[in-house]
């Protein structure tokens, strides 16, 4: 094999000196592209607290360094949706005032027979209520109606309405105030609960409170009412012209719901918080009934 040629020692020394000379002329090596220069501190002169205006006493937001740049959001980052606005309380509706606890005794005319009815209204201090209507013709007790629920600035909020025979619930309507649903024991129907929905007994007191809050002559008042067989209808009551039978009472009539609607009329007493002094549903000589206030025990 042929031996590789080697440079003399003096040549190597001359080559090393040349490299060192070039490095000295070029200066420091350039920075790597991924390195950032350190940010420079920024001095901010603050006025003495004694001369700061009152509106500026709160600490100011920190000032970013002069070389700082806003961070670019990642293209994979999801934008957070803006917070939902806080719902405002409805301050336009009337604040309803309900009557105090009382037992209202009525004369009853039903199916061409005379009897009596007792409406017992018991609002409790914890915000709950019970409302119960019992009826009797002679010695025969008719099915009772009972409404249980809560009270508030919007009036009555029923939770359960029941038709009772022999002291037991035979049919019922349930108002789920949390899920805002209405269900029925005698029907598979379910309904979304409208605002202010009532049962077939609580609407008496709710309507009285609505009229008392806005007793407009010739006005109309609306209330949603659920029945025992799965129905849910909006009842609209219209003020009628006062006649001789009114005797200072406010006469209301429900607008017809259909061809076979028996109709409802009632007379509200302003002196008793517009509580029904008289109520008629259908023909009391046939299948309807009528009650007339006879006595009140508070």
Protein backbone atom coordinates (compact mmCIF):
# COMPACT_ATOMS: atom_id res chain seq x y z
CA UNK A 1 0.00 0.00 0.00
CA UNK A 2 1.08 3.51 -0.76
CA UNK A 3 1.50 5.82 2.29
CA UNK A 4 -0.77 8.89 2.42
CA UNK A 5 1.04 12.20 2.12
CA UNK A 6 1.20 14.22 5.31
CA UNK A 7 1.51 17.96 5.73
CA UNK A 8 4.50 19.35 7.54
CA UNK A 9 3.96 20.51 11.10
CA UNK A 10 4.48 24.10 10.09
CA UNK A 11 1.63 23.88 7.56
CA UNK A 12 -0.82 22.72 10.22
CA UNK A 13 0.08 25.61 12.48
CA UNK A 14 -0.47 28.12 9.67
CA UNK A 15 -3.96 26.63 8.88
CA UNK A 16 -5.11 26.86 12.54
CA UNK A 17 -4.00 30.49 12.80
CA UNK A 18 -5.97 31.36 9.65
CA UNK A 19 -9.22 29.88 11.10
CA UNK A 20 -8.83 31.80 14.37
CA UNK A 21 -8.33 35.00 12.49
CA UNK A 22 -11.58 34.57 10.52
CA UNK A 23 -13.56 33.88 13.72
CA UNK A 24 -12.25 37.03 15.30
CA UNK A 25 -13.32 39.07 12.29
CA UNK A 26 -16.88 37.62 12.19
CA UNK A 27 -17.62 38.24 15.90
CA UNK A 28 -20.13 36.17 17.98
CA UNK A 29 -21.99 33.39 16.20
CA UNK A 30 -25.58 34.31 15.17
CA UNK A 31 -28.45 33.38 17.47
CA UNK A 32 -30.58 30.37 16.64
CA UNK A 33 -33.90 31.28 15.05
CA UNK A 34 -35.89 29.64 17.85
CA UNK A 35 -34.34 31.79 20.57
CA UNK A 36 -35.97 35.11 21.56
CA UNK A 37 -34.17 38.12 22.88
CA UNK A 38 -34.96 38.85 26.52
CA UNK A 39 -37.71 41.48 27.01
CA UNK A 40 -36.59 44.85 28.22
CA UNK A 41 -38.05 46.12 31.49
CA UNK A 42 -40.18 49.28 31.22
CA UNK A 43 -40.13 51.79 34.07
CA UNK A 44 -43.44 53.61 34.73
CA UNK A 45 -43.49 56.78 36.82
CA UNK A 46 -46.47 56.89 39.18
CA UNK A 47 -47.85 60.02 40.78
CA UNK A 48 -47.92 60.12 44.56
CA UNK A 49 -51.18 58.66 45.91
CA UNK A 50 -52.10 61.99 47.50
CA UNK A 51 -52.63 63.65 44.12
CA UNK A 52 -54.38 60.79 42.32
CA UNK A 53 -58.00 61.58 41.38
CA UNK A 54 -60.57 59.52 43.29
CA UNK A 55 -61.65 57.82 40.08
CA UNK A 56 -58.11 56.47 39.60
CA UNK A 57 -57.45 55.08 43.06
CA UNK A 58 -58.04 51.53 41.79
CA UNK A 59 -54.81 49.77 40.73
CA UNK A 60 -54.06 50.11 37.04
CA UNK A 61 -53.78 47.10 34.78
CA UNK A 62 -50.17 45.96 34.30
CA UNK A 63 -48.46 47.34 31.20
CA UNK A 64 -46.94 44.63 28.98
CA UNK A 65 -43.24 44.89 28.07
CA UNK A 66 -42.48 46.89 24.95
CA UNK A 67 -41.24 43.85 23.06
CA UNK A 68 -44.11 41.56 24.06
CA UNK A 69 -46.49 40.47 21.33
CA UNK A 70 -50.01 39.12 21.86
CA UNK A 71 -50.10 35.37 21.67
CA UNK A 72 -51.77 33.96 18.61
CA UNK A 73 -54.59 31.56 19.38
CA UNK A 74 -54.02 28.02 18.26
CA UNK A 75 -56.09 27.05 15.21
CA UNK A 76 -57.18 23.96 17.15
CA UNK A 77 -58.44 25.93 20.16
CA UNK A 78 -62.21 26.18 20.51
CA UNK A 79 -63.64 29.62 21.13
CA UNK A 80 -65.58 29.76 24.36
CA UNK A 81 -69.19 30.87 23.81
CA UNK A 82 -70.14 34.15 25.48
CA UNK A 83 -71.89 33.72 28.83
CA UNK A 84 -75.66 33.60 28.61
CA UNK A 85 -77.36 36.78 29.82
CA UNK A 86 -78.92 36.61 33.24
CA UNK A 87 -82.69 36.52 32.82
CA UNK A 88 -84.40 39.58 34.17
CA UNK A 89 -87.25 39.26 36.62
CA UNK A 90 -90.66 40.03 35.18
CA UNK A 91 -91.56 43.25 36.93
CA UNK A 92 -94.46 44.04 34.61
CA UNK A 93 -96.94 41.46 35.91
CA UNK A 94 -99.15 42.25 38.86
CA UNK A 95 -98.25 41.01 42.31
CA UNK A 96 -101.28 38.99 43.27
CA UNK A 97 -102.80 39.22 46.72
CA UNK A 98 -104.64 36.18 48.02
CA UNK A 99 -107.41 36.12 50.58
CA UNK A 100 -106.63 35.11 54.16
CA UNK A 101 -107.72 31.73 55.58
CA UNK A 102 -111.47 31.34 55.63
CA UNK A 103 -114.37 28.91 55.20
CA UNK A 104 -116.95 30.03 52.63
CA UNK A 105 -120.40 28.48 52.95
CA UNK A 106 -122.65 28.46 49.89
CA UNK A 107 -126.20 27.46 49.05
CA UNK A 108 -126.04 24.82 46.35
CA UNK A 109 -128.47 24.10 43.54
CA UNK A 110 -127.51 21.06 41.47
CA UNK A 111 -129.56 18.79 39.22
CA UNK A 112 -132.75 20.51 40.33
CA UNK A 113 -132.03 19.81 44.04
CA UNK A 114 -130.98 22.06 46.92
CA UNK A 115 -127.98 21.48 49.10
CA UNK A 116 -124.96 23.21 50.54
CA UNK A 117 -121.29 23.57 49.73
CA UNK A 118 -118.31 24.51 51.89
CA UNK A 119 -115.08 25.90 50.49
CA UNK A 120 -112.19 25.74 52.97
CA UNK A 121 -109.14 27.86 52.11
CA UNK A 122 -105.98 27.40 54.20
CA UNK A 123 -102.80 29.27 53.21
CA UNK A 124 -99.87 28.24 55.43
CA UNK A 125 -96.95 30.30 56.73
CA UNK A 126 -94.45 28.09 54.86
CA UNK A 127 -95.87 29.11 51.48
CA UNK A 128 -98.11 26.11 50.94
CA UNK A 129 -101.89 25.99 50.72
CA UNK A 130 -104.85 23.65 50.77
CA UNK A 131 -108.19 24.38 49.12
CA UNK A 132 -111.08 21.95 49.53
CA UNK A 133 -114.68 22.00 48.32
CA UNK A 134 -117.23 19.65 49.89
CA UNK A 135 -120.84 19.41 48.73
CA UNK A 136 -123.93 17.76 50.10
CA UNK A 137 -127.51 17.37 48.96
CA UNK A 138 -129.65 16.25 51.89
CA UNK A 139 -127.80 13.34 53.50
CA UNK A 140 -125.89 12.47 50.33
CA UNK A 141 -122.30 13.63 50.08
CA UNK A 142 -121.13 14.50 46.59
CA UNK A 143 -117.52 13.98 45.44
CA UNK A 144 -115.17 16.46 47.07
CA UNK A 145 -112.53 18.51 45.24
CA UNK A 146 -109.12 19.26 46.73
CA UNK A 147 -106.23 21.41 45.48
CA UNK A 148 -102.80 21.38 47.14
CA UNK A 149 -99.80 23.48 46.20
CA UNK A 150 -97.79 26.62 46.84
CA UNK A 151 -98.46 30.34 46.97
CA UNK A 152 -96.34 33.23 45.76
CA UNK A 153 -96.32 36.60 44.04
CA UNK A 154 -97.81 34.93 40.93
CA UNK A 155 -100.75 33.56 42.92
CA UNK A 156 -101.42 29.85 43.23
CA UNK A 157 -99.11 27.13 41.90
CA UNK A 158 -101.05 23.83 42.24
CA UNK A 159 -99.10 20.62 42.72
CA UNK A 160 -101.98 18.13 42.94
CA UNK A 161 -105.70 18.27 42.30
CA UNK A 162 -107.94 15.35 43.22
CA UNK A 163 -111.56 14.29 43.00
CA UNK A 164 -112.33 12.35 46.18
CA UNK A 165 -115.00 9.83 47.09
CA UNK A 166 -115.19 8.37 50.55
CA UNK A 167 -112.14 10.37 51.61
CA UNK A 168 -109.90 8.80 48.95
CA UNK A 169 -108.49 10.21 45.73
CA UNK A 170 -110.27 8.68 42.75
CA UNK A 171 -108.88 10.88 39.98
CA UNK A 172 -106.01 13.32 40.10
CA UNK A 173 -104.01 15.90 38.15
CA UNK A 174 -100.32 16.32 39.01
CA UNK A 175 -98.42 19.55 38.39
CA UNK A 176 -94.65 18.98 38.33
CA UNK A 177 -93.34 22.44 39.16
CA UNK A 178 -89.70 21.41 38.63
CA UNK A 179 -90.10 19.90 35.15
CA UNK A 180 -93.06 22.16 34.27
CA UNK A 181 -95.23 19.21 33.21
CA UNK A 182 -98.86 18.27 33.87
CA UNK A 183 -99.94 14.62 34.05
CA UNK A 184 -103.23 12.87 34.77
CA UNK A 185 -104.25 9.68 36.54
CA UNK A 186 -107.22 9.13 34.19
CA UNK A 187 -105.33 9.86 30.97
CA UNK A 188 -101.97 9.19 29.35
CA UNK A 189 -101.78 12.80 28.19
CA UNK A 190 -98.90 15.01 29.26
CA UNK A 191 -98.74 18.76 28.76
CA UNK A 192 -96.09 21.41 29.09
CA UNK A 193 -97.19 23.65 31.94
CA UNK A 194 -98.22 27.17 30.87
CA UNK A 195 -97.40 30.04 33.18
CA UNK A 196 -100.00 30.34 35.92
CA UNK A 197 -101.75 27.03 35.09
CA UNK A 198 -104.55 26.11 37.50
CA UNK A 199 -106.79 23.16 38.31
CA UNK A 200 -110.58 22.92 38.34
CA UNK A 201 -110.79 24.45 41.81
CA UNK A 202 -107.78 26.74 42.27
CA UNK A 203 -108.84 28.90 39.34
CA UNK A 204 -111.59 30.40 41.54
CA UNK A 205 -109.04 32.04 43.80
CA UNK A 206 -106.52 32.75 41.03
CA UNK A 207 -109.11 34.60 38.95
CA UNK A 208 -110.18 36.61 41.99
CA UNK A 209 -106.55 37.67 42.53
CA UNK A 210 -106.10 38.56 38.84
CA UNK A 211 -109.20 40.73 38.80
CA UNK A 212 -108.24 42.39 42.08
CA UNK A 213 -104.82 43.25 40.63
CA UNK A 214 -106.33 44.85 37.50
CA UNK A 215 -110.10 45.48 37.91
CA UNK A 216 -110.56 46.99 34.46
CA UNK A 217 -114.19 47.71 33.53
CA UNK A 218 -115.09 45.75 30.43
CA UNK A 219 -111.77 43.90 30.59
CA UNK A 220 -110.74 40.32 29.96
CA UNK A 221 -108.79 37.94 32.17
CA UNK A 222 -107.12 34.72 31.07
CA UNK A 223 -106.17 31.60 32.98
CA UNK A 224 -105.04 28.14 31.88
CA UNK A 225 -107.04 25.32 33.50
CA UNK A 226 -106.32 21.57 33.49
CA UNK A 227 -109.18 19.08 33.80
CA UNK A 228 -109.29 15.54 35.13
CA UNK A 229 -109.49 13.82 31.73
CA UNK A 230 -106.28 15.17 30.25
CA UNK A 231 -107.57 18.46 28.87
CA UNK A 232 -105.74 21.76 29.18
CA UNK A 233 -107.50 24.88 27.91
CA UNK A 234 -107.11 28.60 28.22
CA UNK A 235 -110.19 30.13 29.80
CA UNK A 236 -110.96 33.73 28.91
CA UNK A 237 -113.37 35.64 31.14
CA UNK A 238 -115.05 38.82 29.98
CA UNK A 239 -116.75 41.44 32.14
CA UNK A 240 -120.48 41.80 31.52
CA UNK A 241 -122.79 44.77 31.90
CA UNK A 242 -124.05 45.03 35.46
CA UNK A 243 -127.71 44.06 35.79
CA UNK A 244 -130.21 44.08 38.66
CA UNK A 245 -128.93 40.70 39.87
CA UNK A 246 -125.36 41.97 40.18
CA UNK A 247 -126.06 44.27 43.17
CA UNK A 248 -122.57 45.80 43.18
CA UNK A 249 -120.85 42.59 42.08
CA UNK A 250 -118.59 42.20 39.04
CA UNK A 251 -120.26 39.86 36.57
CA UNK A 252 -117.93 37.73 34.43
CA UNK A 253 -118.68 35.17 31.74
CA UNK A 254 -116.26 32.66 30.24
CA UNK A 255 -116.03 32.80 26.47
CA UNK A 256 -117.40 29.65 24.88
CA UNK A 257 -114.96 26.79 24.41
CA UNK A 258 -117.04 25.03 21.79
CA UNK A 259 -120.51 24.04 20.63
CA UNK A 260 -121.25 21.89 23.68
CA UNK A 261 -119.70 24.17 26.27
CA UNK A 262 -122.13 24.46 29.23
CA UNK A 263 -120.71 27.89 30.06
CA UNK A 264 -119.48 29.44 33.29
CA UNK A 265 -120.63 32.68 34.90
CA UNK A 266 -119.54 34.15 38.18
CA UNK A 267 -120.15 37.26 40.25
CA UNK A 268 -117.18 38.64 42.19
CA UNK A 269 -117.53 40.73 45.33
CA UNK A 270 -115.12 43.72 45.47
CA UNK A 271 -115.80 44.07 49.20
CA UNK A 272 -114.40 40.55 49.76
CA UNK A 273 -111.31 40.74 47.57
CA UNK A 274 -113.29 39.79 44.46
CA UNK A 275 -114.02 36.37 45.84
CA UNK A 276 -116.87 34.56 44.00
CA UNK A 277 -120.14 35.40 45.73
CA UNK A 278 -121.99 33.43 43.09
CA UNK A 279 -120.95 30.90 40.47
CA UNK A 280 -122.96 29.05 37.87
CA UNK A 281 -121.81 26.27 35.55
CA UNK A 282 -124.35 25.03 33.04
CA UNK A 283 -128.01 24.67 33.93
CA UNK A 284 -128.49 23.97 37.68
CA UNK A 285 -131.85 22.39 36.93
CA UNK A 286 -130.22 19.78 34.73
CA UNK A 287 -126.62 18.57 34.96
CA UNK A 288 -125.11 21.90 35.99
CA UNK A 289 -124.87 23.59 39.37
CA UNK A 290 -124.98 27.01 41.01
CA UNK A 291 -123.64 28.21 44.33
CA UNK A 292 -124.57 31.45 46.15
CA UNK A 293 -122.58 32.76 49.12
CA UNK A 294 -124.42 32.38 52.42
CA UNK A 295 -121.76 32.87 55.11
CA UNK A 296 -118.06 33.43 55.67
CA UNK A 297 -116.09 32.23 58.70
CA UNK A 298 -112.59 33.71 58.85
